[in-house]
């Protein structure tokens, strides 16, 4: 089954019809999606800027991850659910769009990059890390930020890219 066939099938489902015909569903779901993006980005920015040694240098990484990871993972669940609803509202716009698939790949990469941070880092102040380790961690923090900004950029770009298949 091709993605175009999956898209056509989804378009004909009762759920897709209800979502498409109910005028308030898509704007409300998009609003919730955007708020969840803000939660993820703010939390990731706080963690990555701490990793990079640019703020909160005296804060424990374990304390920060305990503080922000529940927000990140909770918001990612909300993003997944609202994303499914948006796909169901216009399957062709999403599933046949190369930017959508780029966004999905970036999400997988960003999540895989973010997930192990809590286990990989020593719980010491930034200044107490050896210089070489600080440089490596700073590069990882910036790479993480680039991945997450790429996710947001692709998410916004989906509406303008169109079907390239």
C-alpha atoms as a PDB file:
ATOM      1  CA  UNK A   1       0.000   0.000   0.000  1.00  0.00           C
ATOM      2  CA  UNK A   2       1.453   3.379  -0.995  1.00  0.00           C
ATOM      3  CA  UNK A   3       1.311   6.488   1.161  1.00  0.00           C
ATOM      4  CA  UNK A   4      -1.134   8.012  -1.337  1.00  0.00           C
ATOM      5  CA  UNK A   5      -3.434   5.005  -0.846  1.00  0.00           C
ATOM      6  CA  UNK A   6      -3.141   5.302   2.934  1.00  0.00           C
ATOM      7  CA  UNK A   7      -3.929   9.001   2.659  1.00  0.00           C
ATOM      8  CA  UNK A   8      -6.973   8.331   0.470  1.00  0.00           C
ATOM      9  CA  UNK A   9      -8.206   5.656   2.866  1.00  0.00           C
ATOM     10  CA  UNK A  10      -7.790   7.934   5.899  1.00  0.00           C
ATOM     11  CA  UNK A  11      -9.626  10.745   4.109  1.00  0.00           C
ATOM     12  CA  UNK A  12     -12.656   8.468   3.713  1.00  0.00           C
ATOM     13  CA  UNK A  13     -12.837   7.377   7.368  1.00  0.00           C
ATOM     14  CA  UNK A  14     -15.654   8.656   9.598  1.00  0.00           C
ATOM     15  CA  UNK A  15     -13.129  10.165  12.012  1.00  0.00           C
ATOM     16  CA  UNK A  16     -11.579  12.249   9.250  1.00  0.00           C
ATOM     17  CA  UNK A  17     -15.032  13.417   8.141  1.00  0.00           C
ATOM     18  CA  UNK A  18     -16.025  14.457  11.675  1.00  0.00           C
ATOM     19  CA  UNK A  19     -12.769  16.321  12.270  1.00  0.00           C
ATOM     20  CA  UNK A  20     -12.982  18.041   8.887  1.00  0.00           C
ATOM     21  CA  UNK A  21     -16.613  19.079   9.314  1.00  0.00           C
ATOM     22  CA  UNK A  22     -16.423  20.348  12.877  1.00  0.00           C
ATOM     23  CA  UNK A  23     -15.228  23.923  12.451  1.00  0.00           C
ATOM     24  CA  UNK A  24     -13.565  24.303  15.859  1.00  0.00           C
ATOM     25  CA  UNK A  25     -11.599  21.033  16.104  1.00  0.00           C
ATOM     26  CA  UNK A  26      -8.591  21.886  13.935  1.00  0.00           C
ATOM     27  CA  UNK A  27      -7.988  25.391  15.371  1.00  0.00           C
ATOM     28  CA  UNK A  28      -8.269  24.102  18.955  1.00  0.00           C
ATOM     29  CA  UNK A  29      -6.007  21.119  18.265  1.00  0.00           C
ATOM     30  CA  UNK A  30      -3.461  23.329  16.488  1.00  0.00           C
ATOM     31  CA  UNK A  31      -3.481  25.735  19.442  1.00  0.00           C
ATOM     32  CA  UNK A  32      -2.842  22.895  21.898  1.00  0.00           C
ATOM     33  CA  UNK A  33      -0.125  21.565  19.561  1.00  0.00           C
ATOM     34  CA  UNK A  34       1.595  24.965  19.513  1.00  0.00           C
ATOM     35  CA  UNK A  35       1.426  25.270  23.308  1.00  0.00           C
ATOM     36  CA  UNK A  36       2.972  21.805  23.667  1.00  0.00           C
ATOM     37  CA  UNK A  37       5.731  22.847  21.245  1.00  0.00           C
ATOM     38  CA  UNK A  38       6.423  25.853  23.470  1.00  0.00           C
ATOM     39  CA  UNK A  39       6.712  23.581  26.526  1.00  0.00           C
ATOM     40  CA  UNK A  40       9.141  21.233  24.765  1.00  0.00           C
ATOM     41  CA  UNK A  41      11.246  24.036  23.338  1.00  0.00           C
ATOM     42  CA  UNK A  42      11.440  25.978  26.614  1.00  0.00           C
ATOM     43  CA  UNK A  43      12.392  22.845  28.557  1.00  0.00           C
ATOM     44  CA  UNK A  44      14.941  21.724  25.974  1.00  0.00           C
ATOM     45  CA  UNK A  45      16.411  25.222  25.812  1.00  0.00           C
ATOM     46  CA  UNK A  46      16.827  25.316  29.592  1.00  0.00           C
ATOM     47  CA  UNK A  47      18.555  21.918  29.613  1.00  0.00           C
ATOM     48  CA  UNK A  48      20.730  22.583  26.580  1.00  0.00           C
ATOM     49  CA  UNK A  49      21.780  26.042  27.721  1.00  0.00           C
ATOM     50  CA  UNK A  50      22.748  24.534  31.085  1.00  0.00           C
ATOM     51  CA  UNK A  51      24.663  21.781  29.294  1.00  0.00           C
ATOM     52  CA  UNK A  52      26.449  24.410  27.242  1.00  0.00           C
ATOM     53  CA  UNK A  53      27.382  26.235  30.439  1.00  0.00           C
ATOM     54  CA  UNK A  54      25.534  29.368  29.405  1.00  0.00           C
ATOM     55  CA  UNK A  55      23.128  29.529  32.357  1.00  0.00           C
ATOM     56  CA  UNK A  56      22.464  27.802  35.648  1.00  0.00           C
ATOM     57  CA  UNK A  57      26.066  26.628  35.920  1.00  0.00           C
ATOM     58  CA  UNK A  58      25.651  26.025  39.628  1.00  0.00           C
ATOM     59  CA  UNK A  59      22.503  23.921  39.216  1.00  0.00           C
ATOM     60  CA  UNK A  60      22.684  20.183  39.341  1.00  0.00           C
ATOM     61  CA  UNK A  61      22.010  18.470  36.009  1.00  0.00           C
ATOM     62  CA  UNK A  62      20.063  15.759  37.818  1.00  0.00           C
ATOM     63  CA  UNK A  63      17.845  18.382  39.430  1.00  0.00           C
ATOM     64  CA  UNK A  64      17.267  20.056  36.077  1.00  0.00           C
ATOM     65  CA  UNK A  65      16.460  16.814  34.285  1.00  0.00           C
ATOM     66  CA  UNK A  66      14.102  15.790  37.087  1.00  0.00           C
ATOM     67  CA  UNK A  67      12.460  19.185  36.747  1.00  0.00           C
ATOM     68  CA  UNK A  68      12.159  19.370  32.950  1.00  0.00           C
ATOM     69  CA  UNK A  69      11.965  15.781  31.659  1.00  0.00           C
ATOM     70  CA  UNK A  70       8.374  15.231  32.871  1.00  0.00           C
ATOM     71  CA  UNK A  71       7.362  18.388  30.994  1.00  0.00           C
ATOM     72  CA  UNK A  72       9.226  17.303  27.861  1.00  0.00           C
ATOM     73  CA  UNK A  73       7.812  13.773  27.798  1.00  0.00           C
ATOM     74  CA  UNK A  74       4.297  14.921  28.737  1.00  0.00           C
ATOM     75  CA  UNK A  75       4.328  17.569  26.016  1.00  0.00           C
ATOM     76  CA  UNK A  76       5.646  15.026  23.493  1.00  0.00           C
ATOM     77  CA  UNK A  77       2.646  12.799  24.259  1.00  0.00           C
ATOM     78  CA  UNK A  78       0.330  15.783  23.689  1.00  0.00           C
ATOM     79  CA  UNK A  79       2.168  16.560  20.437  1.00  0.00           C
ATOM     80  CA  UNK A  80       1.781  12.971  19.281  1.00  0.00           C
ATOM     81  CA  UNK A  81      -1.972  12.926  19.997  1.00  0.00           C
ATOM     82  CA  UNK A  82      -2.675  16.356  18.516  1.00  0.00           C
ATOM     83  CA  UNK A  83      -0.469  15.482  15.538  1.00  0.00           C
ATOM     84  CA  UNK A  84      -2.580  12.385  14.873  1.00  0.00           C
ATOM     85  CA  UNK A  85      -5.724  14.494  14.903  1.00  0.00           C
ATOM     86  CA  UNK A  86      -4.174  16.981  12.478  1.00  0.00           C
ATOM     87  CA  UNK A  87      -3.116  14.139  10.185  1.00  0.00           C
ATOM     88  CA  UNK A  88      -6.660  12.776  10.282  1.00  0.00           C
ATOM     89  CA  UNK A  89      -8.048  16.203   9.378  1.00  0.00           C
ATOM     90  CA  UNK A  90      -5.977  16.436   6.172  1.00  0.00           C
ATOM     91  CA  UNK A  91      -4.062  13.202   5.515  1.00  0.00           C
ATOM     92  CA  UNK A  92      -2.800  14.234   2.089  1.00  0.00           C
ATOM     93  CA  UNK A  93      -1.383  17.516   3.341  1.00  0.00           C
ATOM     94  CA  UNK A  94       0.732  15.683   5.885  1.00  0.00           C
ATOM     95  CA  UNK A  95       1.461  12.173   4.630  1.00  0.00           C
ATOM     96  CA  UNK A  96       2.322  13.185   1.067  1.00  0.00           C
ATOM     97  CA  UNK A  97       4.543  16.059   2.110  1.00  0.00           C
ATOM     98  CA  UNK A  98       8.321  15.578   2.163  1.00  0.00           C
ATOM     99  CA  UNK A  99       8.685  18.251   4.873  1.00  0.00           C
ATOM    100  CA  UNK A 100       6.380  16.249   7.163  1.00  0.00           C
ATOM    101  CA  UNK A 101       8.647  13.215   6.787  1.00  0.00           C
ATOM    102  CA  UNK A 102      11.732  15.373   7.358  1.00  0.00           C
ATOM    103  CA  UNK A 103      10.090  16.630  10.555  1.00  0.00           C
ATOM    104  CA  UNK A 104       9.381  13.056  11.672  1.00  0.00           C
ATOM    105  CA  UNK A 105      13.016  12.061  11.074  1.00  0.00           C
ATOM    106  CA  UNK A 106      14.236  15.100  12.996  1.00  0.00           C
ATOM    107  CA  UNK A 107      11.895  14.260  15.896  1.00  0.00           C
ATOM    108  CA  UNK A 108      13.270  10.727  16.087  1.00  0.00           C
ATOM    109  CA  UNK A 109      16.817  12.076  16.023  1.00  0.00           C
ATOM    110  CA  UNK A 110      16.104  14.792  18.583  1.00  0.00           C
ATOM    111  CA  UNK A 111      14.344  12.398  20.978  1.00  0.00           C
ATOM    112  CA  UNK A 112      17.116   9.815  20.667  1.00  0.00           C
ATOM    113  CA  UNK A 113      19.634  12.576  21.276  1.00  0.00           C
ATOM    114  CA  UNK A 114      17.723  13.983  24.279  1.00  0.00           C
ATOM    115  CA  UNK A 115      16.657  10.759  26.000  1.00  0.00           C
ATOM    116  CA  UNK A 116      20.031   9.533  27.323  1.00  0.00           C
ATOM    117  CA  UNK A 117      21.257  12.901  28.592  1.00  0.00           C
ATOM    118  CA  UNK A 118      20.144  12.267  32.154  1.00  0.00           C
ATOM    119  CA  UNK A 119      22.103   9.015  32.362  1.00  0.00           C
ATOM    120  CA  UNK A 120      25.217  10.179  30.539  1.00  0.00           C
ATOM    121  CA  UNK A 121      26.050  13.276  32.556  1.00  0.00           C
ATOM    122  CA  UNK A 122      27.873  13.506  35.790  1.00  0.00           C
ATOM    123  CA  UNK A 123      25.992  15.481  38.393  1.00  0.00           C
ATOM    124  CA  UNK A 124      28.640  18.152  38.885  1.00  0.00           C
ATOM    125  CA  UNK A 125      28.793  21.863  38.335  1.00  0.00           C
ATOM    126  CA  UNK A 126      29.778  22.930  34.837  1.00  0.00           C
ATOM    127  CA  UNK A 127      33.047  24.498  36.003  1.00  0.00           C
ATOM    128  CA  UNK A 128      34.092  21.244  37.708  1.00  0.00           C
ATOM    129  CA  UNK A 129      34.060  19.299  34.443  1.00  0.00           C
ATOM    130  CA  UNK A 130      37.344  18.821  32.575  1.00  0.00           C
ATOM    131  CA  UNK A 131      37.734  21.305  29.703  1.00  0.00           C
ATOM    132  CA  UNK A 132      37.587  18.616  26.989  1.00  0.00           C
ATOM    133  CA  UNK A 133      34.352  17.260  28.414  1.00  0.00           C
ATOM    134  CA  UNK A 134      32.850  20.770  28.606  1.00  0.00           C
ATOM    135  CA  UNK A 135      33.605  21.317  24.911  1.00  0.00           C
ATOM    136  CA  UNK A 136      32.026  17.973  23.947  1.00  0.00           C
ATOM    137  CA  UNK A 137      28.952  18.614  26.078  1.00  0.00           C
ATOM    138  CA  UNK A 138      28.603  22.138  24.667  1.00  0.00           C
ATOM    139  CA  UNK A 139      28.709  20.767  21.103  1.00  0.00           C
ATOM    140  CA  UNK A 140      26.074  18.160  22.001  1.00  0.00           C
ATOM    141  CA  UNK A 141      23.871  20.842  23.558  1.00  0.00           C
ATOM    142  CA  UNK A 142      24.055  22.982  20.419  1.00  0.00           C
ATOM    143  CA  UNK A 143      23.385  19.957  18.208  1.00  0.00           C
ATOM    144  CA  UNK A 144      20.298  19.202  20.289  1.00  0.00           C
ATOM    145  CA  UNK A 145      19.057  22.774  19.921  1.00  0.00           C
ATOM    146  CA  UNK A 146      19.619  22.652  16.161  1.00  0.00           C
ATOM    147  CA  UNK A 147      17.626  19.401  15.892  1.00  0.00           C
ATOM    148  CA  UNK A 148      14.687  20.771  17.907  1.00  0.00           C
ATOM    149  CA  UNK A 149      14.670  24.081  16.019  1.00  0.00           C
ATOM    150  CA  UNK A 150      14.679  22.029  12.807  1.00  0.00           C
ATOM    151  CA  UNK A 151      11.599  20.154  14.052  1.00  0.00           C
ATOM    152  CA  UNK A 152       9.759  23.429  14.698  1.00  0.00           C
ATOM    153  CA  UNK A 153      10.874  24.913  11.379  1.00  0.00           C
ATOM    154  CA  UNK A 154       9.680  21.868   9.441  1.00  0.00           C
ATOM    155  CA  UNK A 155       6.404  21.869  11.358  1.00  0.00           C
ATOM    156  CA  UNK A 156       5.744  25.424  10.283  1.00  0.00           C
ATOM    157  CA  UNK A 157       6.954  24.775   6.729  1.00  0.00           C
ATOM    158  CA  UNK A 158       4.564  21.867   6.133  1.00  0.00           C
ATOM    159  CA  UNK A 159       1.751  24.265   5.267  1.00  0.00           C
ATOM    160  CA  UNK A 160       3.805  25.839   2.483  1.00  0.00           C
ATOM    161  CA  UNK A 161       5.813  22.986   0.978  1.00  0.00           C
ATOM    162  CA  UNK A 162       3.076  20.962  -0.678  1.00  0.00           C
ATOM    163  CA  UNK A 163       3.202  17.486  -2.182  1.00  0.00           C
ATOM    164  CA  UNK A 164       6.626  16.682  -3.682  1.00  0.00           C
ATOM    165  CA  UNK A 165       6.081  12.971  -4.214  1.00  0.00           C
END
